[in-house]
Amino acid sequence: MELARDDALLLQAMEEAMWRAETRFDRSYMDAVLAPSYVEIGQSGRIYTRDEVLDLPFQEIDVKLPLTDFRVEAFCSHGAMVLYTSIPKHGDRGAAHRSSIWERSERWRLRYHQATPVDL
């Protein structure tokens, strides 16, 4: 199933917004983007609920943008999987393969995210 180019570009922009402190820690923005059932499995293996993500304190984010090896794959008419590798701007530790599931009803919302540590 092919995703429209405009949707793919929008999902890339929305995913990269998760890596910008000004949007990641903007509660109103995140509340609008995260689906009610959102869950995240962090790089450490910890499971985060939607409320825990919304309550995270502000911190600097150390990742290279644009995201590395970014790709989007539609799996149905209202869902897409985003895959990429996050690479720190500073230091040589902390890279991860990442996957996100986005769903669309009236707009795209992030339903699931997982990170798996990787040595580059």
PDB file of N, CA and C in Angstrom:
ATOM      1  N   MET A   1       0.851  -1.170   0.000  1.00  0.00           N
ATOM      2  CA  MET A   1       0.000   0.000   0.000  1.00  0.00           C
ATOM      3  C   MET A   1       0.897   1.233   0.000  1.00  0.00           C
ATOM      4  N   GLU A   2       0.595   2.163  -0.861  1.00  0.00           N
ATOM      5  CA  GLU A   2       1.400   3.375  -0.998  1.00  0.00           C
ATOM      6  C   GLU A   2       0.781   4.533  -0.223  1.00  0.00           C
ATOM      7  N   LEU A   3       1.629   5.287   0.436  1.00  0.00           N
ATOM      8  CA  LEU A   3       1.204   6.462   1.174  1.00  0.00           C
ATOM      9  C   LEU A   3       1.438   7.685   0.293  1.00  0.00           C
ATOM     10  N   ALA A   4       0.494   8.623   0.276  1.00  0.00           N
ATOM     11  CA  ALA A   4       0.654   9.846  -0.508  1.00  0.00           C
ATOM     12  C   ALA A   4       1.908  10.588  -0.054  1.00  0.00           C
ATOM     13  N   ARG A   5       2.597  11.188  -0.996  1.00  0.00           N
ATOM     14  CA  ARG A   5       3.848  11.910  -0.691  1.00  0.00           C
ATOM     15  C   ARG A   5       3.616  12.990   0.367  1.00  0.00           C
ATOM     16  N   ASP A   6       2.512  13.724   0.274  1.00  0.00           N
ATOM     17  CA  ASP A   6       2.219  14.768   1.263  1.00  0.00           C
ATOM     18  C   ASP A   6       2.098  14.172   2.666  1.00  0.00           C
ATOM     19  N   ASP A   7       1.459  12.998   2.784  1.00  0.00           N
ATOM     20  CA  ASP A   7       1.341  12.338   4.087  1.00  0.00           C
ATOM     21  C   ASP A   7       2.702  11.888   4.598  1.00  0.00           C
ATOM     22  N   ALA A   8       3.532  11.351   3.717  1.00  0.00           N
ATOM     23  CA  ALA A   8       4.867  10.904   4.128  1.00  0.00           C
ATOM     24  C   ALA A   8       5.702  12.081   4.631  1.00  0.00           C
ATOM     25  N   LEU A   9       5.645  13.207   3.929  1.00  0.00           N
ATOM     26  CA  LEU A   9       6.387  14.391   4.354  1.00  0.00           C
ATOM     27  C   LEU A   9       5.844  14.943   5.673  1.00  0.00           C
ATOM     28  N   LEU A  10       4.528  14.920   5.833  1.00  0.00           N
ATOM     29  CA  LEU A  10       3.921  15.382   7.081  1.00  0.00           C
ATOM     30  C   LEU A  10       4.350  14.489   8.245  1.00  0.00           C
ATOM     31  N   LEU A  11       4.335  13.174   8.038  1.00  0.00           N
ATOM     32  CA  LEU A  11       4.755  12.264   9.111  1.00  0.00           C
ATOM     33  C   LEU A  11       6.231  12.452   9.454  1.00  0.00           C
ATOM     34  N   GLN A  12       7.054  12.724   8.462  1.00  0.00           N
ATOM     35  CA  GLN A  12       8.457  12.986   8.769  1.00  0.00           C
ATOM     36  C   GLN A  12       8.584  14.256   9.612  1.00  0.00           C
ATOM     37  N   ALA A  13       7.864  15.296   9.249  1.00  0.00           N
ATOM     38  CA  ALA A  13       7.913  16.539  10.027  1.00  0.00           C
ATOM     39  C   ALA A  13       7.395  16.312  11.444  1.00  0.00           C
ATOM     40  N   MET A  14       6.320  15.542  11.584  1.00  0.00           N
ATOM     41  CA  MET A  14       5.754  15.290  12.908  1.00  0.00           C
ATOM     42  C   MET A  14       6.692  14.430  13.756  1.00  0.00           C
ATOM     43  N   GLU A  15       7.321  13.437  13.128  1.00  0.00           N
ATOM     44  CA  GLU A  15       8.266  12.582  13.861  1.00  0.00           C
ATOM     45  C   GLU A  15       9.476  13.400  14.299  1.00  0.00           C
ATOM     46  N   GLU A  16       9.995  14.237  13.408  1.00  0.00           N
ATOM     47  CA  GLU A  16      11.159  15.052  13.771  1.00  0.00           C
ATOM     48  C   GLU A  16      10.804  16.095  14.832  1.00  0.00           C
ATOM     49  N   ALA A  17       9.545  16.506  14.901  1.00  0.00           N
ATOM     50  CA  ALA A  17       9.114  17.432  15.955  1.00  0.00           C
ATOM     51  C   ALA A  17       9.262  16.799  17.338  1.00  0.00           C
ATOM     52  N   MET A  18       9.203  15.466  17.392  1.00  0.00           N
ATOM     53  CA  MET A  18       9.406  14.766  18.668  1.00  0.00           C
ATOM     54  C   MET A  18      10.845  14.925  19.151  1.00  0.00           C
ATOM     55  N   TRP A  19      11.743  15.323  18.254  1.00  0.00           N
ATOM     56  CA  TRP A  19      13.160  15.461  18.565  1.00  0.00           C
ATOM     57  C   TRP A  19      13.588  16.913  18.721  1.00  0.00           C
ATOM     58  N   ARG A  20      12.625  17.811  18.777  1.00  0.00           N
ATOM     59  CA  ARG A  20      12.896  19.234  19.020  1.00  0.00           C
ATOM     60  C   ARG A  20      12.309  19.589  20.380  1.00  0.00           C
ATOM     61  N   ALA A  21      13.126  20.098  21.270  1.00  0.00           N
ATOM     62  CA  ALA A  21      12.687  20.374  22.639  1.00  0.00           C
ATOM     63  C   ALA A  21      11.477  21.307  22.678  1.00  0.00           C
ATOM     64  N   GLU A  22      11.416  22.278  21.759  1.00  0.00           N
ATOM     65  CA  GLU A  22      10.318  23.248  21.793  1.00  0.00           C
ATOM     66  C   GLU A  22       8.958  22.620  21.481  1.00  0.00           C
ATOM     67  N   THR A  23       8.935  21.489  20.799  1.00  0.00           N
ATOM     68  CA  THR A  23       7.663  20.796  20.560  1.00  0.00           C
ATOM     69  C   THR A  23       7.512  19.591  21.476  1.00  0.00           C
ATOM     70  N   ARG A  24       8.588  18.856  21.718  1.00  0.00           N
ATOM     71  CA  ARG A  24       8.523  17.655  22.555  1.00  0.00           C
ATOM     72  C   ARG A  24       8.038  17.977  23.970  1.00  0.00           C
ATOM     73  N   PHE A  25       8.395  19.126  24.478  1.00  0.00           N
ATOM     74  CA  PHE A  25       8.013  19.469  25.847  1.00  0.00           C
ATOM     75  C   PHE A  25       6.924  20.547  25.905  1.00  0.00           C
ATOM     76  N   ASP A  26       6.242  20.724  24.776  1.00  0.00           N
ATOM     77  CA  ASP A  26       5.062  21.599  24.719  1.00  0.00           C
ATOM     78  C   ASP A  26       3.841  20.708  24.955  1.00  0.00           C
ATOM     79  N   ARG A  27       3.308  20.764  26.150  1.00  0.00           N
ATOM     80  CA  ARG A  27       2.223  19.856  26.538  1.00  0.00           C
ATOM     81  C   ARG A  27       1.025  19.948  25.594  1.00  0.00           C
ATOM     82  N   SER A  28       0.641  21.133  25.167  1.00  0.00           N
ATOM     83  CA  SER A  28      -0.502  21.289  24.262  1.00  0.00           C
ATOM     84  C   SER A  28      -0.241  20.596  22.928  1.00  0.00           C
ATOM     85  N   TYR A  29       0.962  20.790  22.401  1.00  0.00           N
ATOM     86  CA  TYR A  29       1.330  20.151  21.141  1.00  0.00           C
ATOM     87  C   TYR A  29       1.290  18.628  21.282  1.00  0.00           C
ATOM     88  N   MET A  30       1.947  18.121  22.320  1.00  0.00           N
ATOM     89  CA  MET A  30       2.012  16.677  22.517  1.00  0.00           C
ATOM     90  C   MET A  30       0.633  16.076  22.794  1.00  0.00           C
ATOM     91  N   ASP A  31      -0.195  16.786  23.521  1.00  0.00           N
ATOM     92  CA  ASP A  31      -1.551  16.312  23.795  1.00  0.00           C
ATOM     93  C   ASP A  31      -2.333  16.141  22.498  1.00  0.00           C
ATOM     94  N   ALA A  32      -2.113  17.034  21.542  1.00  0.00           N
ATOM     95  CA  ALA A  32      -2.798  16.953  20.252  1.00  0.00           C
ATOM     96  C   ALA A  32      -2.232  15.846  19.366  1.00  0.00           C
ATOM     97  N   VAL A  33      -0.952  15.526  19.525  1.00  0.00           N
ATOM     98  CA  VAL A  33      -0.283  14.554  18.651  1.00  0.00           C
ATOM     99  C   VAL A  33      -0.398  13.115  19.160  1.00  0.00           C
ATOM    100  N   LEU A  34      -0.326  12.909  20.457  1.00  0.00           N
ATOM    101  CA  LEU A  34      -0.352  11.545  20.998  1.00  0.00           C
ATOM    102  C   LEU A  34      -1.783  11.008  21.038  1.00  0.00           C
ATOM    103  N   ALA A  35      -1.971   9.816  20.517  1.00  0.00           N
ATOM    104  CA  ALA A  35      -3.279   9.154  20.572  1.00  0.00           C
ATOM    105  C   ALA A  35      -3.620   8.835  22.026  1.00  0.00           C
ATOM    106  N   PRO A  36      -4.903   8.751  22.353  1.00  0.00           N
ATOM    107  CA  PRO A  36      -5.296   8.446  23.737  1.00  0.00           C
ATOM    108  C   PRO A  36      -4.674   7.162  24.278  1.00  0.00           C
ATOM    109  N   SER A  37      -4.429   6.189  23.421  1.00  0.00           N
ATOM    110  CA  SER A  37      -3.873   4.899  23.853  1.00  0.00           C
ATOM    111  C   SER A  37      -2.357   4.807  23.655  1.00  0.00           C
ATOM    112  N   TYR A  38      -1.683   5.939  23.463  1.00  0.00           N
ATOM    113  CA  TYR A  38      -0.253   5.955  23.188  1.00  0.00           C
ATOM    114  C   TYR A  38       0.544   5.198  24.252  1.00  0.00           C
ATOM    115  N   VAL A  39       1.539   4.462  23.786  1.00  0.00           N
ATOM    116  CA  VAL A  39       2.492   3.793  24.661  1.00  0.00           C
ATOM    117  C   VAL A  39       3.864   3.847  23.981  1.00  0.00           C
ATOM    118  N   GLU A  40       4.897   3.928  24.800  1.00  0.00           N
ATOM    119  CA  GLU A  40       6.261   3.991  24.279  1.00  0.00           C
ATOM    120  C   GLU A  40       7.138   3.015  25.032  1.00  0.00           C
ATOM    121  N   ILE A  41       7.980   2.300  24.290  1.00  0.00           N
ATOM    122  CA  ILE A  41       9.011   1.466  24.886  1.00  0.00           C
ATOM    123  C   ILE A  41      10.326   2.163  24.595  1.00  0.00           C
ATOM    124  N   GLY A  42      10.922   2.706  25.637  1.00  0.00           N
ATOM    125  CA  GLY A  42      12.142   3.485  25.482  1.00  0.00           C
ATOM    126  C   GLY A  42      13.352   2.629  25.190  1.00  0.00           C
ATOM    127  N   GLN A  43      14.439   3.290  24.876  1.00  0.00           N
ATOM    128  CA  GLN A  43      15.691   2.618  24.542  1.00  0.00           C
ATOM    129  C   GLN A  43      16.172   1.734  25.686  1.00  0.00           C
ATOM    130  N   SER A  44      15.828   2.092  26.913  1.00  0.00           N
ATOM    131  CA  SER A  44      16.229   1.305  28.081  1.00  0.00           C
ATOM    132  C   SER A  44      15.334   0.083  28.296  1.00  0.00           C
ATOM    133  N   GLY A  45      14.215   0.033  27.572  1.00  0.00           N
ATOM    134  CA  GLY A  45      13.242  -1.036  27.767  1.00  0.00           C
ATOM    135  C   GLY A  45      12.084  -0.613  28.662  1.00  0.00           C
ATOM    136  N   ARG A  46      12.179   0.563  29.237  1.00  0.00           N
ATOM    137  CA  ARG A  46      11.106   1.066  30.100  1.00  0.00           C
ATOM    138  C   ARG A  46       9.867   1.382  29.262  1.00  0.00           C
ATOM    139  N   ILE A  47       8.706   1.081  29.809  1.00  0.00           N
ATOM    140  CA  ILE A  47       7.440   1.381  29.146  1.00  0.00           C
ATOM    141  C   ILE A  47       6.892   2.683  29.713  1.00  0.00           C
ATOM    142  N   TYR A  48       6.548   3.606  28.812  1.00  0.00           N
ATOM    143  CA  TYR A  48       5.990   4.897  29.193  1.00  0.00           C
ATOM    144  C   TYR A  48       4.533   4.983  28.740  1.00  0.00           C
ATOM    145  N   THR A  49       3.686   5.477  29.615  1.00  0.00           N
ATOM    146  CA  THR A  49       2.298   5.738  29.237  1.00  0.00           C
ATOM    147  C   THR A  49       2.210   7.139  28.617  1.00  0.00           C
ATOM    148  N   ARG A  50       1.079   7.419  28.040  1.00  0.00           N
ATOM    149  CA  ARG A  50       0.836   8.743  27.466  1.00  0.00           C
ATOM    150  C   ARG A  50       1.026   9.825  28.535  1.00  0.00           C
ATOM    151  N   ASP A  51       0.426   9.622  29.702  1.00  0.00           N
ATOM    152  CA  ASP A  51       0.520  10.620  30.768  1.00  0.00           C
ATOM    153  C   ASP A  51       1.965  10.835  31.225  1.00  0.00           C
ATOM    154  N   GLU A  52       2.745   9.765  31.290  1.00  0.00           N
ATOM    155  CA  GLU A  52       4.152   9.913  31.684  1.00  0.00           C
ATOM    156  C   GLU A  52       4.922  10.728  30.654  1.00  0.00           C
ATOM    157  N   VAL A  53       4.645  10.507  29.387  1.00  0.00           N
ATOM    158  CA  VAL A  53       5.318  11.275  28.336  1.00  0.00           C
ATOM    159  C   VAL A  53       4.904  12.742  28.412  1.00  0.00           C
ATOM    160  N   LEU A  54       3.622  12.996  28.621  1.00  0.00           N
ATOM    161  CA  LEU A  54       3.150  14.377  28.723  1.00  0.00           C
ATOM    162  C   LEU A  54       3.761  15.103  29.918  1.00  0.00           C
ATOM    163  N   ASP A  55       4.098  14.373  30.971  1.00  0.00           N
ATOM    164  CA  ASP A  55       4.637  14.974  32.192  1.00  0.00           C
ATOM    165  C   ASP A  55       6.163  15.054  32.238  1.00  0.00           C
ATOM    166  N   LEU A  56       6.842  14.636  31.177  1.00  0.00           N
ATOM    167  CA  LEU A  56       8.309  14.687  31.194  1.00  0.00           C
ATOM    168  C   LEU A  56       8.795  16.124  31.339  1.00  0.00           C
ATOM    169  N   PRO A  57       9.805  16.341  32.185  1.00  0.00           N
ATOM    170  CA  PRO A  57      10.348  17.695  32.330  1.00  0.00           C
ATOM    171  C   PRO A  57      11.187  18.076  31.111  1.00  0.00           C
ATOM    172  N   PHE A  58      11.285  19.359  30.853  1.00  0.00           N
ATOM    173  CA  PHE A  58      12.078  19.869  29.736  1.00  0.00           C
ATOM    174  C   PHE A  58      13.525  19.420  29.869  1.00  0.00           C
ATOM    175  N   GLN A  59      14.112  19.021  28.753  1.00  0.00           N
ATOM    176  CA  GLN A  59      15.533  18.708  28.695  1.00  0.00           C
ATOM    177  C   GLN A  59      16.013  18.917  27.269  1.00  0.00           C
ATOM    178  N   GLU A  60      17.285  19.133  27.118  1.00  0.00           N
ATOM    179  CA  GLU A  60      17.864  19.258  25.785  1.00  0.00           C
ATOM    180  C   GLU A  60      17.832  17.895  25.099  1.00  0.00           C
ATOM    181  N   ILE A  61      17.698  17.898  23.803  1.00  0.00           N
ATOM    182  CA  ILE A  61      17.651  16.654  23.034  1.00  0.00           C
ATOM    183  C   ILE A  61      18.874  16.614  22.129  1.00  0.00           C
ATOM    184  N   ASP A  62      19.628  15.537  22.224  1.00  0.00           N
ATOM    185  CA  ASP A  62      20.875  15.382  21.483  1.00  0.00           C
ATOM    186  C   ASP A  62      20.692  14.366  20.368  1.00  0.00           C
ATOM    187  N   VAL A  63      20.226  14.831  19.208  1.00  0.00           N
ATOM    188  CA  VAL A  63      20.061  13.932  18.065  1.00  0.00           C
ATOM    189  C   VAL A  63      20.284  14.711  16.774  1.00  0.00           C
ATOM    190  N   LYS A  64      20.858  14.037  15.793  1.00  0.00           N
ATOM    191  CA  LYS A  64      21.081  14.640  14.481  1.00  0.00           C
ATOM    192  C   LYS A  64      19.766  14.673  13.710  1.00  0.00           C
ATOM    193  N   LEU A  65      19.487  15.832  13.126  1.00  0.00           N
ATOM    194  CA  LEU A  65      18.347  15.976  12.220  1.00  0.00           C
ATOM    195  C   LEU A  65      18.877  16.425  10.873  1.00  0.00           C
ATOM    196  N   PRO A  66      18.300  15.983   9.768  1.00  0.00           N
ATOM    197  CA  PRO A  66      17.165  15.071   9.683  1.00  0.00           C
ATOM    198  C   PRO A  66      17.533  13.671  10.170  1.00  0.00           C
ATOM    199  N   LEU A  67      16.520  12.934  10.563  1.00  0.00           N
ATOM    200  CA  LEU A  67      16.706  11.582  11.087  1.00  0.00           C
ATOM    201  C   LEU A  67      17.298  10.669  10.017  1.00  0.00           C
ATOM    202  N   THR A  68      18.152   9.767  10.431  1.00  0.00           N
ATOM    203  CA  THR A  68      18.887   8.881   9.531  1.00  0.00           C
ATOM    204  C   THR A  68      18.026   7.708   9.056  1.00  0.00           C
ATOM    205  N   ASP A  69      18.159   7.370   7.773  1.00  0.00           N
ATOM    206  CA  ASP A  69      17.465   6.217   7.163  1.00  0.00           C
ATOM    207  C   ASP A  69      15.947   6.279   7.360  1.00  0.00           C
ATOM    208  N   PHE A  70      15.395   7.486   7.296  1.00  0.00           N
ATOM    209  CA  PHE A  70      13.963   7.675   7.537  1.00  0.00           C
ATOM    210  C   PHE A  70      13.151   7.078   6.389  1.00  0.00           C
ATOM    211  N   ARG A  71      12.116   6.310   6.773  1.00  0.00           N
ATOM    212  CA  ARG A  71      11.184   5.781   5.774  1.00  0.00           C
ATOM    213  C   ARG A  71       9.809   5.597   6.400  1.00  0.00           C
ATOM    214  N   VAL A  72       8.802   5.637   5.552  1.00  0.00           N
ATOM    215  CA  VAL A  72       7.414   5.489   5.977  1.00  0.00           C
ATOM    216  C   VAL A  72       6.784   4.388   5.143  1.00  0.00           C
ATOM    217  N   GLU A  73       6.054   3.502   5.805  1.00  0.00           N
ATOM    218  CA  GLU A  73       5.358   2.427   5.110  1.00  0.00           C
ATOM    219  C   GLU A  73       3.906   2.402   5.572  1.00  0.00           C
ATOM    220  N   ALA A  74       2.984   2.570   4.618  1.00  0.00           N
ATOM    221  CA  ALA A  74       1.561   2.466   4.953  1.00  0.00           C
ATOM    222  C   ALA A  74       1.225   0.992   5.129  1.00  0.00           C
ATOM    223  N   PHE A  75       0.424   0.666   6.129  1.00  0.00           N
ATOM    224  CA  PHE A  75      -0.013  -0.718   6.294  1.00  0.00           C
ATOM    225  C   PHE A  75      -1.518  -0.857   6.149  1.00  0.00           C
ATOM    226  N   CYS A  76      -2.227   0.256   6.058  1.00  0.00           N
ATOM    227  CA  CYS A  76      -3.647   0.280   5.751  1.00  0.00           C
ATOM    228  C   CYS A  76      -3.993   1.711   5.350  1.00  0.00           C
ATOM    229  N   SER A  77      -5.230   1.976   5.010  1.00  0.00           N
ATOM    230  CA  SER A  77      -5.601   3.314   4.537  1.00  0.00           C
ATOM    231  C   SER A  77      -5.511   4.380   5.622  1.00  0.00           C
ATOM    232  N   HIS A  78      -5.479   3.978   6.875  1.00  0.00           N
ATOM    233  CA  HIS A  78      -5.454   4.948   7.972  1.00  0.00           C
ATOM    234  C   HIS A  78      -4.314   4.698   8.964  1.00  0.00           C
ATOM    235  N   GLY A  79      -3.262   3.999   8.511  1.00  0.00           N
ATOM    236  CA  GLY A  79      -2.150   3.719   9.405  1.00  0.00           C
ATOM    237  C   GLY A  79      -0.830   3.628   8.671  1.00  0.00           C
ATOM    238  N   ALA A  80       0.232   4.057   9.338  1.00  0.00           N
ATOM    239  CA  ALA A  80       1.570   4.007   8.748  1.00  0.00           C
ATOM    240  C   ALA A  80       2.601   3.711   9.824  1.00  0.00           C
ATOM    241  N   MET A  81       3.666   3.040   9.411  1.00  0.00           N
ATOM    242  CA  MET A  81       4.796   2.767  10.284  1.00  0.00           C
ATOM    243  C   MET A  81       5.966   3.619   9.814  1.00  0.00           C
ATOM    244  N   VAL A  82       6.591   4.298  10.755  1.00  0.00           N
ATOM    245  CA  VAL A  82       7.765   5.115  10.486  1.00  0.00           C
ATOM    246  C   VAL A  82       8.969   4.390  11.084  1.00  0.00           C
ATOM    247  N   LEU A  83      10.036   4.293  10.319  1.00  0.00           N
ATOM    248  CA  LEU A  83      11.270   3.634  10.752  1.00  0.00           C
ATOM    249  C   LEU A  83      12.445   4.569  10.504  1.00  0.00           C
ATOM    250  N   TYR A  84      13.383   4.615  11.448  1.00  0.00           N
ATOM    251  CA  TYR A  84      14.574   5.431  11.279  1.00  0.00           C
ATOM    252  C   TYR A  84      15.593   5.063  12.355  1.00  0.00           C
ATOM    253  N   THR A  85      16.775   5.662  12.249  1.00  0.00           N
ATOM    254  CA  THR A  85      17.806   5.512  13.266  1.00  0.00           C
ATOM    255  C   THR A  85      18.075   6.884  13.870  1.00  0.00           C
ATOM    256  N   SER A  86      18.052   6.949  15.193  1.00  0.00           N
ATOM    257  CA  SER A  86      18.419   8.190  15.869  1.00  0.00           C
ATOM    258  C   SER A  86      19.897   8.103  16.244  1.00  0.00           C
ATOM    259  N   ILE A  87      20.628   9.167  15.913  1.00  0.00           N
ATOM    260  CA  ILE A  87      22.068   9.215  16.168  1.00  0.00           C
ATOM    261  C   ILE A  87      22.373  10.485  16.955  1.00  0.00           C
ATOM    262  N   PRO A  88      23.059  10.364  18.079  1.00  0.00           N
ATOM    263  CA  PRO A  88      23.399  11.558  18.867  1.00  0.00           C
ATOM    264  C   PRO A  88      24.303  12.510  18.080  1.00  0.00           C
ATOM    265  N   LYS A  89      24.112  13.808  18.297  1.00  0.00           N
ATOM    266  CA  LYS A  89      25.005  14.810  17.705  1.00  0.00           C
ATOM    267  C   LYS A  89      26.357  14.799  18.398  1.00  0.00           C
ATOM    268  N   HIS A  90      26.356  14.526  19.698  1.00  0.00           N
ATOM    269  CA  HIS A  90      27.573  14.558  20.506  1.00  0.00           C
ATOM    270  C   HIS A  90      27.791  13.187  21.132  1.00  0.00           C
ATOM    271  N   GLY A  91      28.989  12.722  21.106  1.00  0.00           N
ATOM    272  CA  GLY A  91      29.287  11.425  21.711  1.00  0.00           C
ATOM    273  C   GLY A  91      29.055  10.292  20.736  1.00  0.00           C
ATOM    274  N   ASP A  92      29.433   9.099  21.170  1.00  0.00           N
ATOM    275  CA  ASP A  92      29.325   7.931  20.290  1.00  0.00           C
ATOM    276  C   ASP A  92      28.406   6.857  20.861  1.00  0.00           C
ATOM    277  N   ARG A  93      27.640   7.190  21.904  1.00  0.00           N
ATOM    278  CA  ARG A  93      26.718   6.225  22.491  1.00  0.00           C
ATOM    279  C   ARG A  93      25.301   6.763  22.405  1.00  0.00           C
ATOM    280  N   GLY A  94      24.333   5.849  22.337  1.00  0.00           N
ATOM    281  CA  GLY A  94      22.941   6.267  22.381  1.00  0.00           C
ATOM    282  C   GLY A  94      22.186   6.147  21.080  1.00  0.00           C
ATOM    283  N   ALA A  95      22.807   5.614  20.044  1.00  0.00           N
ATOM    284  CA  ALA A  95      22.083   5.424  18.786  1.00  0.00           C
ATOM    285  C   ALA A  95      21.024   4.337  18.973  1.00  0.00           C
ATOM    286  N   ALA A  96      19.937   4.450  18.211  1.00  0.00           N
ATOM    287  CA  ALA A  96      18.863   3.462  18.322  1.00  0.00           C
ATOM    288  C   ALA A  96      18.098   3.358  17.010  1.00  0.00           C
ATOM    289  N   HIS A  97      17.687   2.139  16.694  1.00  0.00           N
ATOM    290  CA  HIS A  97      16.701   1.936  15.629  1.00  0.00           C
ATOM    291  C   HIS A  97      15.359   2.239  16.255  1.00  0.00           C
ATOM    292  N   ARG A  98      14.506   2.947  15.529  1.00  0.00           N
ATOM    293  CA  ARG A  98      13.224   3.370  16.086  1.00  0.00           C
ATOM    294  C   ARG A  98      12.093   3.074  15.130  1.00  0.00           C
ATOM    295  N   SER A  99      10.947   2.791  15.735  1.00  0.00           N
ATOM    296  CA  SER A  99       9.733   2.580  14.940  1.00  0.00           C
ATOM    297  C   SER A  99       8.568   3.261  15.640  1.00  0.00           C
ATOM    298  N   SER A 100       7.702   3.849  14.839  1.00  0.00           N
ATOM    299  CA  SER A 100       6.514   4.521  15.339  1.00  0.00           C
ATOM    300  C   SER A 100       5.317   4.078  14.505  1.00  0.00           C
ATOM    301  N   ILE A 101       4.194   3.944  15.164  1.00  0.00           N
ATOM    302  CA  ILE A 101       2.940   3.654  14.478  1.00  0.00           C
ATOM    303  C   ILE A 101       2.072   4.902  14.572  1.00  0.00           C
ATOM    304  N   TRP A 102       1.672   5.402  13.424  1.00  0.00           N
ATOM    305  CA  TRP A 102       0.809   6.573  13.322  1.00  0.00           C
ATOM    306  C   TRP A 102      -0.540   6.133  12.780  1.00  0.00           C
ATOM    307  N   GLU A 103      -1.620   6.695  13.335  1.00  0.00           N
ATOM    308  CA  GLU A 103      -2.966   6.392  12.841  1.00  0.00           C
ATOM    309  C   GLU A 103      -3.660   7.693  12.468  1.00  0.00           C
ATOM    310  N   ARG A 104      -4.532   7.593  11.459  1.00  0.00           N
ATOM    311  CA  ARG A 104      -5.230   8.790  11.010  1.00  0.00           C
ATOM    312  C   ARG A 104      -6.726   8.568  11.080  1.00  0.00           C
ATOM    313  N   SER A 105      -7.389   9.472  11.782  1.00  0.00           N
ATOM    314  CA  SER A 105      -8.848   9.560  11.709  1.00  0.00           C
ATOM    315  C   SER A 105      -9.116  10.935  11.105  1.00  0.00           C
ATOM    316  N   GLU A 106      -9.320  11.953  11.925  1.00  0.00           N
ATOM    317  CA  GLU A 106      -9.441  13.310  11.381  1.00  0.00           C
ATOM    318  C   GLU A 106      -8.062  13.933  11.139  1.00  0.00           C
ATOM    319  N   ARG A 107      -7.020  13.416  11.824  1.00  0.00           N
ATOM    320  CA  ARG A 107      -5.642  13.869  11.638  1.00  0.00           C
ATOM    321  C   ARG A 107      -4.704  12.738  12.079  1.00  0.00           C
ATOM    322  N   TRP A 108      -3.433  12.864  11.737  1.00  0.00           N
ATOM    323  CA  TRP A 108      -2.448  11.874  12.157  1.00  0.00           C
ATOM    324  C   TRP A 108      -2.157  12.032  13.646  1.00  0.00           C
ATOM    325  N   ARG A 109      -2.121  10.875  14.339  1.00  0.00           N
ATOM    326  CA  ARG A 109      -1.752  10.855  15.764  1.00  0.00           C
ATOM    327  C   ARG A 109      -0.812   9.679  16.005  1.00  0.00           C
ATOM    328  N   LEU A 110       0.130   9.880  16.904  1.00  0.00           N
ATOM    329  CA  LEU A 110       1.118   8.859  17.231  1.00  0.00           C
ATOM    330  C   LEU A 110       0.526   7.895  18.249  1.00  0.00           C
ATOM    331  N   ARG A 111       0.526   6.604  17.892  1.00  0.00           N
ATOM    332  CA  ARG A 111      -0.091   5.580  18.748  1.00  0.00           C
ATOM    333  C   ARG A 111       0.942   4.772  19.531  1.00  0.00           C
ATOM    334  N   TYR A 112       2.135   4.564  18.931  1.00  0.00           N
ATOM    335  CA  TYR A 112       3.125   3.661  19.531  1.00  0.00           C
ATOM    336  C   TYR A 112       4.520   4.070  19.066  1.00  0.00           C
ATOM    337  N   HIS A 113       5.489   3.949  19.967  1.00  0.00           N
ATOM    338  CA  HIS A 113       6.884   4.203  19.602  1.00  0.00           C
ATOM    339  C   HIS A 113       7.773   3.225  20.358  1.00  0.00           C
ATOM    340  N   GLN A 114       8.801   2.734  19.676  1.00  0.00           N
ATOM    341  CA  GLN A 114       9.761   1.828  20.312  1.00  0.00           C
ATOM    342  C   GLN A 114      11.164   2.146  19.826  1.00  0.00           C
ATOM    343  N   ALA A 115      12.120   2.043  20.755  1.00  0.00           N
ATOM    344  CA  ALA A 115      13.528   2.245  20.440  1.00  0.00           C
ATOM    345  C   ALA A 115      14.310   0.998  20.815  1.00  0.00           C
ATOM    346  N   THR A 116      15.247   0.616  19.954  1.00  0.00           N
ATOM    347  CA  THR A 116      16.123  -0.515  20.205  1.00  0.00           C
ATOM    348  C   THR A 116      17.573  -0.044  20.073  1.00  0.00           C
ATOM    349  N   PRO A 117      18.364  -0.140  21.133  1.00  0.00           N
ATOM    350  CA  PRO A 117      19.757   0.336  21.066  1.00  0.00           C
ATOM    351  C   PRO A 117      20.524  -0.377  19.957  1.00  0.00           C
ATOM    352  N   VAL A 118      21.455   0.370  19.345  1.00  0.00           N
ATOM    353  CA  VAL A 118      22.274  -0.192  18.287  1.00  0.00           C
ATOM    354  C   VAL A 118      23.666   0.420  18.371  1.00  0.00           C
ATOM    355  N   ASP A 119      24.691  -0.382  18.097  1.00  0.00           N
ATOM    356  CA  ASP A 119      26.057   0.106  17.989  1.00  0.00           C
ATOM    357  C   ASP A 119      26.307   0.445  16.529  1.00  0.00           C
ATOM    358  N   LEU A 120      26.741   1.650  16.271  1.00  0.00           N
ATOM    359  CA  LEU A 120      27.022   2.046  14.885  1.00  0.00           C
ATOM    360  C   LEU A 120      28.506   2.040  14.593  1.00  0.00           C
TER     361      LEU A 120
END
